[in-house]
All heavy atoms as atom14 arrays in JSON, in Angstrom:
{
  "sequence": "LDTPDQRGGGVMTIQSPNGATFDSIVYGEKTPRRWLAGSNSFRRTE",
  "atom14_mask": [
    [1, 1, 1, 1, 1, 1, 1, 1, 0, 0, 0, 0, 0, 0],
    [1, 1, 1, 1, 1, 1, 1, 1, 0, 0, 0, 0, 0, 0],
    [1, 1, 1, 1, 1, 1, 1, 0, 0, 0, 0, 0, 0, 0],
    [1, 1, 1, 1, 1, 1, 1, 0, 0, 0, 0, 0, 0, 0],
    [1, 1, 1, 1, 1, 1, 1, 1, 0, 0, 0, 0, 0, 0],
    [1, 1, 1, 1, 1, 1, 1, 1, 1, 0, 0, 0, 0, 0],
    [1, 1, 1, 1, 1, 1, 1, 1, 1, 1, 1, 0, 0, 0],
    [1, 1, 1, 1, 0, 0, 0, 0, 0, 0, 0, 0, 0, 0],
    [1, 1, 1, 1, 0, 0, 0, 0, 0, 0, 0, 0, 0, 0],
    [1, 1, 1, 1, 0, 0, 0, 0, 0, 0, 0, 0, 0, 0],
    [1, 1, 1, 1, 1, 1, 1, 0, 0, 0, 0, 0, 0, 0],
    [1, 1, 1, 1, 1, 1, 1, 1, 0, 0, 0, 0, 0, 0],
    [1, 1, 1, 1, 1, 1, 1, 0, 0, 0, 0, 0, 0, 0],
    [1, 1, 1, 1, 1, 1, 1, 1, 0, 0, 0, 0, 0, 0],
    [1, 1, 1, 1, 1, 1, 1, 1, 1, 0, 0, 0, 0, 0],
    [1, 1, 1, 1, 1, 1, 0, 0, 0, 0, 0, 0, 0, 0],
    [1, 1, 1, 1, 1, 1, 1, 0, 0, 0, 0, 0, 0, 0],
    [1, 1, 1, 1, 1, 1, 1, 1, 0, 0, 0, 0, 0, 0],
    [1, 1, 1, 1, 0, 0, 0, 0, 0, 0, 0, 0, 0, 0],
    [1, 1, 1, 1, 1, 0, 0, 0, 0, 0, 0, 0, 0, 0],
    [1, 1, 1, 1, 1, 1, 1, 0, 0, 0, 0, 0, 0, 0],
    [1, 1, 1, 1, 1, 1, 1, 1, 1, 1, 1, 0, 0, 0],
    [1, 1, 1, 1, 1, 1, 1, 1, 0, 0, 0, 0, 0, 0],
    [1, 1, 1, 1, 1, 1, 0, 0, 0, 0, 0, 0, 0, 0],
    [1, 1, 1, 1, 1, 1, 1, 1, 0, 0, 0, 0, 0, 0],
    [1, 1, 1, 1, 1, 1, 1, 0, 0, 0, 0, 0, 0, 0],
    [1, 1, 1, 1, 1, 1, 1, 1, 1, 1, 1, 1, 0, 0],
    [1, 1, 1, 1, 0, 0, 0, 0, 0, 0, 0, 0, 0, 0],
    [1, 1, 1, 1, 1, 1, 1, 1, 1, 0, 0, 0, 0, 0],
    [1, 1, 1, 1, 1, 1, 1, 1, 1, 0, 0, 0, 0, 0],
    [1, 1, 1, 1, 1, 1, 1, 0, 0, 0, 0, 0, 0, 0],
    [1, 1, 1, 1, 1, 1, 1, 0, 0, 0, 0, 0, 0, 0],
    [1, 1, 1, 1, 1, 1, 1, 1, 1, 1, 1, 0, 0, 0],
    [1, 1, 1, 1, 1, 1, 1, 1, 1, 1, 1, 0, 0, 0],
    [1, 1, 1, 1, 1, 1, 1, 1, 1, 1, 1, 1, 1, 1],
    [1, 1, 1, 1, 1, 1, 1, 1, 0, 0, 0, 0, 0, 0],
    [1, 1, 1, 1, 1, 0, 0, 0, 0, 0, 0, 0, 0, 0],
    [1, 1, 1, 1, 0, 0, 0, 0, 0, 0, 0, 0, 0, 0],
    [1, 1, 1, 1, 1, 1, 0, 0, 0, 0, 0, 0, 0, 0],
    [1, 1, 1, 1, 1, 1, 1, 1, 0, 0, 0, 0, 0, 0],
    [1, 1, 1, 1, 1, 1, 0, 0, 0, 0, 0, 0, 0, 0],
    [1, 1, 1, 1, 1, 1, 1, 1, 1, 1, 1, 0, 0, 0],
    [1, 1, 1, 1, 1, 1, 1, 1, 1, 1, 1, 0, 0, 0],
    [1, 1, 1, 1, 1, 1, 1, 1, 1, 1, 1, 0, 0, 0],
    [1, 1, 1, 1, 1, 1, 1, 0, 0, 0, 0, 0, 0, 0],
    [1, 1, 1, 1, 1, 1, 1, 1, 1, 0, 0, 0, 0, 0]
  ],
  "atom14_positions": [
    [[-6.47, -20.74, 17.41], [-6.43, -21.68, 18.52], [-5.62, -21.16, 19.69], [-4.56, -20.55, 19.5], [-5.81, -23.01, 18.06], [-6.43, -23.68, 16.84], [-5.54, -24.83, 16.38], [-7.82, -24.19, 17.15], [0.0, 0.0, 0.0], [0.0, 0.0, 0.0], [0.0, 0.0, 0.0], [0.0, 0.0, 0.0], [0.0, 0.0, 0.0], [0.0, 0.0, 0.0]],
    [[-6.09, -21.41, 20.92], [-5.25, -21.17, 22.09], [-4.15, -22.21, 22.17], [-3.01, -21.91, 22.52], [-6.09, -21.22, 23.38], [-6.77, -19.9, 23.67], [-6.53, -18.92, 22.94], [-7.57, -19.86, 24.63], [0.0, 0.0, 0.0], [0.0, 0.0, 0.0], [0.0, 0.0, 0.0], [0.0, 0.0, 0.0], [0.0, 0.0, 0.0], [0.0, 0.0, 0.0]],
    [[-4.5, -23.46, 21.89], [-3.54, -24.56, 21.86], [-3.93, -25.5, 20.73], [-5.11, -25.81, 20.55], [-3.51, -25.33, 23.19], [-2.73, -26.54, 23.02], [-4.9, -25.71, 23.65], [0.0, 0.0, 0.0], [0.0, 0.0, 0.0], [0.0, 0.0, 0.0], [0.0, 0.0, 0.0], [0.0, 0.0, 0.0], [0.0, 0.0, 0.0], [0.0, 0.0, 0.0]],
    [[-2.96, -25.99, 19.95], [-3.3, -26.84, 18.81], [-3.65, -28.27, 19.2], [-4.15, -29.02, 18.38], [-2.02, -26.8, 17.97], [-0.93, -26.57, 18.96], [-1.52, -25.66, 20.0], [0.0, 0.0, 0.0], [0.0, 0.0, 0.0], [0.0, 0.0, 0.0], [0.0, 0.0, 0.0], [0.0, 0.0, 0.0], [0.0, 0.0, 0.0], [0.0, 0.0, 0.0]],
    [[-3.4, -28.66, 20.45], [-3.58, -30.06, 20.84], [-4.88, -30.31, 21.6], [-5.06, -31.37, 22.19], [-2.39, -30.52, 21.67], [-1.11, -30.56, 20.84], [-1.18, -31.0, 19.69], [-0.06, -30.12, 21.34], [0.0, 0.0, 0.0], [0.0, 0.0, 0.0], [0.0, 0.0, 0.0], [0.0, 0.0, 0.0], [0.0, 0.0, 0.0], [0.0, 0.0, 0.0]],
    [[-5.81, -29.35, 21.62], [-7.11, -29.58, 22.24], [-7.92, -30.54, 21.39], [-7.71, -30.67, 20.19], [-7.85, -28.26, 22.42], [-8.07, -27.47, 21.14], [-8.67, -26.11, 21.39], [-9.79, -26.0, 21.85], [-7.91, -25.05, 21.09], [0.0, 0.0, 0.0], [0.0, 0.0, 0.0], [0.0, 0.0, 0.0], [0.0, 0.0, 0.0], [0.0, 0.0, 0.0]],
    [[-8.89, -31.21, 22.02], [-9.64, -32.26, 21.33], [-11.14, -32.1, 21.53], [-11.62, -32.14, 22.66], [-9.21, -33.65, 21.84], [-7.74, -34.0, 21.64], [-7.4, -34.22, 20.19], [-8.15, -35.31, 19.6], [-7.78, -36.58, 19.64], [-6.66, -36.92, 20.25], [-8.52, -37.51, 19.06], [0.0, 0.0, 0.0], [0.0, 0.0, 0.0], [0.0, 0.0, 0.0]],
    [[-11.88, -31.9, 20.44], [-13.32, -32.03, 20.47], [-14.14, -30.77, 20.67], [-15.37, -30.84, 20.74], [0.0, 0.0, 0.0], [0.0, 0.0, 0.0], [0.0, 0.0, 0.0], [0.0, 0.0, 0.0], [0.0, 0.0, 0.0], [0.0, 0.0, 0.0], [0.0, 0.0, 0.0], [0.0, 0.0, 0.0], [0.0, 0.0, 0.0], [0.0, 0.0, 0.0]],
    [[-13.5, -29.61, 20.77], [-14.26, -28.38, 20.98], [-14.98, -27.93, 19.72], [-14.48, -28.07, 18.61], [0.0, 0.0, 0.0], [0.0, 0.0, 0.0], [0.0, 0.0, 0.0], [0.0, 0.0, 0.0], [0.0, 0.0, 0.0], [0.0, 0.0, 0.0], [0.0, 0.0, 0.0], [0.0, 0.0, 0.0], [0.0, 0.0, 0.0], [0.0, 0.0, 0.0]],
    [[-16.17, -27.38, 19.91], [-16.94, -26.86, 18.79], [-16.73, -25.37, 18.64], [-16.84, -24.62, 19.61], [0.0, 0.0, 0.0], [0.0, 0.0, 0.0], [0.0, 0.0, 0.0], [0.0, 0.0, 0.0], [0.0, 0.0, 0.0], [0.0, 0.0, 0.0], [0.0, 0.0, 0.0], [0.0, 0.0, 0.0], [0.0, 0.0, 0.0], [0.0, 0.0, 0.0]],
    [[-16.43, -24.92, 17.43], [-16.21, -23.49, 17.17], [-17.55, -22.8, 16.92], [-17.89, -21.81, 17.56], [-15.26, -23.28, 15.98], [-15.01, -21.78, 15.76], [-13.94, -24.0, 16.22], [0.0, 0.0, 0.0], [0.0, 0.0, 0.0], [0.0, 0.0, 0.0], [0.0, 0.0, 0.0], [0.0, 0.0, 0.0], [0.0, 0.0, 0.0], [0.0, 0.0, 0.0]],
    [[-18.33, -23.32, 15.99], [-19.66, -22.77, 15.66], [-20.63, -23.92, 15.5], [-20.32, -24.92, 14.83], [-19.6, -21.93, 14.38], [-20.92, -21.33, 13.96], [-20.74, -20.34, 12.43], [-22.41, -19.69, 12.25], [0.0, 0.0, 0.0], [0.0, 0.0, 0.0], [0.0, 0.0, 0.0], [0.0, 0.0, 0.0], [0.0, 0.0, 0.0], [0.0, 0.0, 0.0]],
    [[-21.82, -23.8, 16.09], [-22.76, -24.91, 16.13], [-24.19, -24.42, 15.91], [-24.58, -23.39, 16.44], [-22.69, -25.64, 17.48], [-21.36, -26.11, 17.72], [-23.65, -26.82, 17.53], [0.0, 0.0, 0.0], [0.0, 0.0, 0.0], [0.0, 0.0, 0.0], [0.0, 0.0, 0.0], [0.0, 0.0, 0.0], [0.0, 0.0, 0.0], [0.0, 0.0, 0.0]],
    [[-24.96, -25.2, 15.15], [-26.41, -25.08, 15.12], [-26.94, -26.27, 15.92], [-26.59, -27.42, 15.61], [-26.98, -25.12, 13.69], [-26.26, -24.11, 12.78], [-28.47, -24.87, 13.7], [-26.46, -22.67, 13.19], [0.0, 0.0, 0.0], [0.0, 0.0, 0.0], [0.0, 0.0, 0.0], [0.0, 0.0, 0.0], [0.0, 0.0, 0.0], [0.0, 0.0, 0.0]],
    [[-27.75, -26.03, 16.94], [-28.17, -27.12, 17.79], [-29.56, -26.89, 18.37], [-30.04, -25.75, 18.44], [-27.18, -27.29, 18.95], [-27.08, -26.09, 19.87], [-26.16, -26.36, 21.06], [-26.41, -27.25, 21.87], [-25.09, -25.59, 21.14], [0.0, 0.0, 0.0], [0.0, 0.0, 0.0], [0.0, 0.0, 0.0], [0.0, 0.0, 0.0], [0.0, 0.0, 0.0]],
    [[-30.19, -27.98, 18.76], [-31.41, -27.86, 19.55], [-31.01, -27.29, 20.91], [-29.86, -27.43, 21.35], [-32.07, -29.22, 19.72], [-31.19, -30.16, 20.3], [0.0, 0.0, 0.0], [0.0, 0.0, 0.0], [0.0, 0.0, 0.0], [0.0, 0.0, 0.0], [0.0, 0.0, 0.0], [0.0, 0.0, 0.0], [0.0, 0.0, 0.0], [0.0, 0.0, 0.0]],
    [[-31.93, -26.61, 21.6], [-31.54, -25.95, 22.86], [-30.92, -26.87, 23.9], [-30.09, -26.42, 24.7], [-32.88, -25.37, 23.35], [-33.65, -25.11, 22.1], [-33.3, -26.26, 21.19], [0.0, 0.0, 0.0], [0.0, 0.0, 0.0], [0.0, 0.0, 0.0], [0.0, 0.0, 0.0], [0.0, 0.0, 0.0], [0.0, 0.0, 0.0], [0.0, 0.0, 0.0]],
    [[-31.28, -28.16, 23.89], [-30.69, -29.09, 24.85], [-29.47, -29.82, 24.29], [-28.87, -30.65, 24.97], [-31.73, -30.1, 25.33], [-32.23, -31.0, 24.2], [-31.81, -30.88, 23.05], [-33.14, -31.9, 24.54], [0.0, 0.0, 0.0], [0.0, 0.0, 0.0], [0.0, 0.0, 0.0], [0.0, 0.0, 0.0], [0.0, 0.0, 0.0], [0.0, 0.0, 0.0]],
    [[-29.1, -29.53, 23.04], [-27.92, -30.13, 22.43], [-28.1, -31.55, 21.92], [-27.14, -32.17, 21.47], [0.0, 0.0, 0.0], [0.0, 0.0, 0.0], [0.0, 0.0, 0.0], [0.0, 0.0, 0.0], [0.0, 0.0, 0.0], [0.0, 0.0, 0.0], [0.0, 0.0, 0.0], [0.0, 0.0, 0.0], [0.0, 0.0, 0.0], [0.0, 0.0, 0.0]],
    [[-29.32, -32.08, 21.95], [-29.53, -33.46, 21.52], [-29.31, -33.63, 20.02], [-28.91, -34.69, 19.55], [-30.94, -33.91, 21.88], [0.0, 0.0, 0.0], [0.0, 0.0, 0.0], [0.0, 0.0, 0.0], [0.0, 0.0, 0.0], [0.0, 0.0, 0.0], [0.0, 0.0, 0.0], [0.0, 0.0, 0.0], [0.0, 0.0, 0.0], [0.0, 0.0, 0.0]],
    [[-29.57, -32.58, 19.24], [-29.34, -32.58, 17.8], [-28.47, -31.39, 17.45], [-28.74, -30.27, 17.91], [-30.67, -32.48, 17.03], [-31.53, -33.56, 17.44], [-30.44, -32.56, 15.54], [0.0, 0.0, 0.0], [0.0, 0.0, 0.0], [0.0, 0.0, 0.0], [0.0, 0.0, 0.0], [0.0, 0.0, 0.0], [0.0, 0.0, 0.0], [0.0, 0.0, 0.0]],
    [[-27.42, -31.62, 16.66], [-26.54, -30.5, 16.33], [-25.69, -30.79, 15.11], [-25.45, -31.94, 14.75], [-25.62, -30.16, 17.52], [-24.55, -31.21, 17.81], [-23.28, -31.11, 17.24], [-24.82, -32.28, 18.64], [-22.3, -32.06, 17.5], [-23.85, -33.24, 18.9], [-22.59, -33.13, 18.33], [0.0, 0.0, 0.0], [0.0, 0.0, 0.0], [0.0, 0.0, 0.0]],
    [[-25.25, -29.71, 14.45], [-24.19, -29.72, 13.45], [-23.17, -28.68, 13.89], [-23.54, -27.57, 14.28], [-24.73, -29.36, 12.05], [-25.51, -30.5, 11.43], [-25.05, -31.65, 11.53], [-26.59, -30.24, 10.85], [0.0, 0.0, 0.0], [0.0, 0.0, 0.0], [0.0, 0.0, 0.0], [0.0, 0.0, 0.0], [0.0, 0.0, 0.0], [0.0, 0.0, 0.0]],
    [[-21.88, -29.01, 13.79], [-20.87, -28.13, 14.38], [-19.55, -28.19, 13.61], [-19.17, -29.24, 13.09], [-20.62, -28.56, 15.84], [-19.64, -27.77, 16.46], [0.0, 0.0, 0.0], [0.0, 0.0, 0.0], [0.0, 0.0, 0.0], [0.0, 0.0, 0.0], [0.0, 0.0, 0.0], [0.0, 0.0, 0.0], [0.0, 0.0, 0.0], [0.0, 0.0, 0.0]],
    [[-18.88, -27.05, 13.55], [-17.48, -27.02, 13.11], [-16.64, -27.4, 14.32], [-16.57, -26.66, 15.3], [-17.08, -25.62, 12.6], [-17.92, -25.23, 11.39], [-15.59, -25.59, 12.26], [-17.63, -23.81, 10.88], [0.0, 0.0, 0.0], [0.0, 0.0, 0.0], [0.0, 0.0, 0.0], [0.0, 0.0, 0.0], [0.0, 0.0, 0.0], [0.0, 0.0, 0.0]],
    [[-16.03, -28.59, 14.28], [-15.34, -29.16, 15.43], [-13.86, -29.33, 15.13], [-13.48, -29.66, 14.0], [-15.97, -30.52, 15.81], [-15.24, -31.15, 16.99], [-17.45, -30.34, 16.16], [0.0, 0.0, 0.0], [0.0, 0.0, 0.0], [0.0, 0.0, 0.0], [0.0, 0.0, 0.0], [0.0, 0.0, 0.0], [0.0, 0.0, 0.0], [0.0, 0.0, 0.0]],
    [[-13.06, -29.15, 16.16], [-11.6, -29.28, 16.0], [-11.08, -30.49, 16.79], [-11.31, -30.6, 18.0], [-10.9, -28.02, 16.48], [-9.38, -28.1, 16.4], [-8.72, -27.97, 15.18], [-8.62, -28.34, 17.54], [-7.34, -28.06, 15.1], [-7.23, -28.42, 17.47], [-6.59, -28.29, 16.25], [-5.23, -28.39, 16.18], [0.0, 0.0, 0.0], [0.0, 0.0, 0.0]],
    [[-10.38, -31.39, 16.09], [-9.6, -32.43, 16.75], [-10.37, -33.5, 17.49], [-9.8, -34.16, 18.36], [0.0, 0.0, 0.0], [0.0, 0.0, 0.0], [0.0, 0.0, 0.0], [0.0, 0.0, 0.0], [0.0, 0.0, 0.0], [0.0, 0.0, 0.0], [0.0, 0.0, 0.0], [0.0, 0.0, 0.0], [0.0, 0.0, 0.0], [0.0, 0.0, 0.0]],
    [[-11.64, -33.72, 17.17], [-12.41, -34.68, 17.98], [-12.02, -36.13, 17.69], [-11.65, -36.88, 18.59], [-13.91, -34.5, 17.76], [-14.74, -35.42, 18.65], [-16.23, -35.23, 18.49], [-16.65, -34.56, 17.52], [-16.97, -35.76, 19.32], [0.0, 0.0, 0.0], [0.0, 0.0, 0.0], [0.0, 0.0, 0.0], [0.0, 0.0, 0.0], [0.0, 0.0, 0.0]],
    [[-12.1, -36.54, 16.43], [-11.76, -37.92, 16.09], [-10.27, -38.1, 15.86], [-9.69, -39.13, 16.22], [-12.55, -38.36, 14.86], [-13.97, -38.79, 15.14], [-14.55, -39.52, 13.92], [-15.83, -40.26, 14.31], [-16.34, -41.06, 13.18], [0.0, 0.0, 0.0], [0.0, 0.0, 0.0], [0.0, 0.0, 0.0], [0.0, 0.0, 0.0], [0.0, 0.0, 0.0]],
    [[-9.67, -37.12, 15.22], [-8.24, -37.18, 14.89], [-7.58, -35.88, 15.33], [-8.14, -34.8, 15.08], [-8.04, -37.35, 13.36], [-8.8, -38.48, 12.92], [-6.57, -37.58, 13.03], [0.0, 0.0, 0.0], [0.0, 0.0, 0.0], [0.0, 0.0, 0.0], [0.0, 0.0, 0.0], [0.0, 0.0, 0.0], [0.0, 0.0, 0.0], [0.0, 0.0, 0.0]],
    [[-6.44, -35.94, 15.99], [-5.79, -34.71, 16.46], [-5.54, -33.73, 15.33], [-5.18, -34.11, 14.22], [-4.47, -35.21, 17.06], [-4.71, -36.64, 17.41], [-5.66, -37.15, 16.36], [0.0, 0.0, 0.0], [0.0, 0.0, 0.0], [0.0, 0.0, 0.0], [0.0, 0.0, 0.0], [0.0, 0.0, 0.0], [0.0, 0.0, 0.0], [0.0, 0.0, 0.0]],
    [[-5.79, -32.43, 15.62], [-5.42, -31.33, 14.73], [-6.14, -31.36, 13.37], [-5.64, -30.81, 12.39], [-3.9, -31.29, 14.51], [-3.11, -30.97, 15.77], [-1.62, -30.99, 15.48], [-0.85, -30.66, 16.66], [-0.1, -29.57, 16.82], [-0.03, -28.68, 15.85], [0.59, -29.37, 17.93], [0.0, 0.0, 0.0], [0.0, 0.0, 0.0], [0.0, 0.0, 0.0]],
    [[-7.3, -31.97, 13.32], [-8.06, -31.96, 12.07], [-9.46, -31.42, 12.31], [-10.05, -31.61, 13.35], [-8.12, -33.37, 11.46], [-6.79, -33.82, 10.85], [-6.98, -35.09, 10.03], [-5.78, -35.41, 9.29], [-4.83, -36.24, 9.71], [-4.95, -36.82, 10.88], [-3.78, -36.49, 8.96], [0.0, 0.0, 0.0], [0.0, 0.0, 0.0], [0.0, 0.0, 0.0]],
    [[-9.99, -30.74, 11.27], [-11.32, -30.16, 11.32], [-12.36, -31.2, 10.94], [-12.1, -32.09, 10.11], [-11.39, -28.95, 10.41], [-10.44, -27.87, 10.8], [-9.2, -27.61, 10.23], [-10.6, -26.92, 11.86], [-8.6, -26.56, 10.88], [-9.43, -26.1, 11.88], [-11.61, -26.67, 12.79], [-9.26, -25.07, 12.79], [-11.44, -25.63, 13.7], [-10.28, -24.84, 13.69]],
    [[-13.55, -31.07, 11.53], [-14.57, -32.1, 11.39], [-15.95, -31.46, 11.36], [-16.18, -30.43, 12.01], [-14.47, -33.04, 12.58], [-15.31, -34.32, 12.6], [-14.71, -35.33, 11.62], [-15.33, -34.91, 14.01], [0.0, 0.0, 0.0], [0.0, 0.0, 0.0], [0.0, 0.0, 0.0], [0.0, 0.0, 0.0], [0.0, 0.0, 0.0], [0.0, 0.0, 0.0]],
    [[-16.88, -32.06, 10.63], [-18.29, -31.67, 10.69], [-18.94, -32.51, 11.78], [-19.42, -33.62, 11.53], [-18.97, -31.88, 9.35], [0.0, 0.0, 0.0], [0.0, 0.0, 0.0], [0.0, 0.0, 0.0], [0.0, 0.0, 0.0], [0.0, 0.0, 0.0], [0.0, 0.0, 0.0], [0.0, 0.0, 0.0], [0.0, 0.0, 0.0], [0.0, 0.0, 0.0]],
    [[-18.93, -32.02, 13.0], [-19.47, -32.78, 14.12], [-20.99, -32.85, 14.06], [-21.65, -31.94, 13.55], [0.0, 0.0, 0.0], [0.0, 0.0, 0.0], [0.0, 0.0, 0.0], [0.0, 0.0, 0.0], [0.0, 0.0, 0.0], [0.0, 0.0, 0.0], [0.0, 0.0, 0.0], [0.0, 0.0, 0.0], [0.0, 0.0, 0.0], [0.0, 0.0, 0.0]],
    [[-21.57, -33.92, 14.6], [-23.02, -34.07, 14.64], [-23.4, -35.03, 15.76], [-22.54, -35.77, 16.26], [-23.55, -34.59, 13.3], [-23.02, -35.87, 13.0], [0.0, 0.0, 0.0], [0.0, 0.0, 0.0], [0.0, 0.0, 0.0], [0.0, 0.0, 0.0], [0.0, 0.0, 0.0], [0.0, 0.0, 0.0], [0.0, 0.0, 0.0], [0.0, 0.0, 0.0]],
    [[-24.67, -35.01, 16.15], [-25.14, -35.88, 17.22], [-24.94, -37.35, 16.86], [-25.37, -37.82, 15.81], [-26.62, -35.61, 17.54], [-27.47, -35.47, 16.28], [-27.33, -34.51, 15.53], [-28.37, -36.43, 16.06], [0.0, 0.0, 0.0], [0.0, 0.0, 0.0], [0.0, 0.0, 0.0], [0.0, 0.0, 0.0], [0.0, 0.0, 0.0], [0.0, 0.0, 0.0]],
    [[-24.23, -38.06, 17.75], [-23.9, -39.49, 17.55], [-23.19, -39.75, 16.23], [-23.29, -40.85, 15.67], [-25.16, -40.36, 17.65], [-25.79, -40.2, 18.9], [0.0, 0.0, 0.0], [0.0, 0.0, 0.0], [0.0, 0.0, 0.0], [0.0, 0.0, 0.0], [0.0, 0.0, 0.0], [0.0, 0.0, 0.0], [0.0, 0.0, 0.0], [0.0, 0.0, 0.0]],
    [[-22.49, -38.72, 15.67], [-21.76, -38.83, 14.41], [-22.66, -39.22, 13.24], [-22.2, -39.81, 12.26], [-20.6, -39.83, 14.53], [-19.57, -39.47, 15.55], [-19.34, -40.29, 16.64], [-18.84, -38.3, 15.44], [-18.39, -39.96, 17.59], [-17.88, -37.96, 16.39], [-17.66, -38.79, 17.47], [0.0, 0.0, 0.0], [0.0, 0.0, 0.0], [0.0, 0.0, 0.0]],
    [[-23.95, -38.87, 13.32], [-24.88, -39.3, 12.27], [-24.58, -38.67, 10.92], [-24.91, -39.23, 9.88], [-26.32, -38.97, 12.7], [-26.82, -39.86, 13.83], [-28.26, -39.58, 14.18], [-28.71, -40.45, 15.26], [-29.91, -40.39, 15.82], [-30.79, -39.5, 15.38], [-30.23, -41.2, 16.8], [0.0, 0.0, 0.0], [0.0, 0.0, 0.0], [0.0, 0.0, 0.0]],
    [[-24.02, -37.48, 10.92], [-23.68, -36.81, 9.65], [-22.18, -36.53, 9.6], [-21.75, -35.57, 8.98], [-24.48, -35.51, 9.52], [-25.97, -35.73, 9.37], [-26.78, -34.47, 9.52], [-26.67, -33.86, 10.85], [-27.28, -34.33, 11.95], [-28.03, -35.41, 11.87], [-27.11, -33.72, 13.1], [0.0, 0.0, 0.0], [0.0, 0.0, 0.0], [0.0, 0.0, 0.0]],
    [[-21.4, -37.36, 10.27], [-19.97, -37.11, 10.43], [-19.12, -38.21, 9.81], [-19.32, -39.39, 10.1], [-19.61, -36.99, 11.92], [-20.35, -35.92, 12.51], [-18.12, -36.73, 12.09], [0.0, 0.0, 0.0], [0.0, 0.0, 0.0], [0.0, 0.0, 0.0], [0.0, 0.0, 0.0], [0.0, 0.0, 0.0], [0.0, 0.0, 0.0], [0.0, 0.0, 0.0]],
    [[-18.22, -37.8, 8.94], [-17.15, -38.66, 8.44], [-15.88, -37.83, 8.41], [-15.94, -36.6, 8.44], [-17.46, -39.19, 7.03], [-18.62, -40.16, 6.95], [-18.83, -40.68, 5.54], [-17.85, -40.64, 4.74], [-19.95, -41.13, 5.23], [0.0, 0.0, 0.0], [0.0, 0.0, 0.0], [0.0, 0.0, 0.0], [0.0, 0.0, 0.0], [0.0, 0.0, 0.0]]
  ]
}
């Protein structure tokens, strides 16, 4: 990390070219400093 307090950035993502559908390794989106399986509209995210 450049900074540990960033929120919501995706490290690696599989996505449709327009980004409407995606699965991603995400950092700090819902909760600070925690890793997340990001997805479109949180459909596959807990």
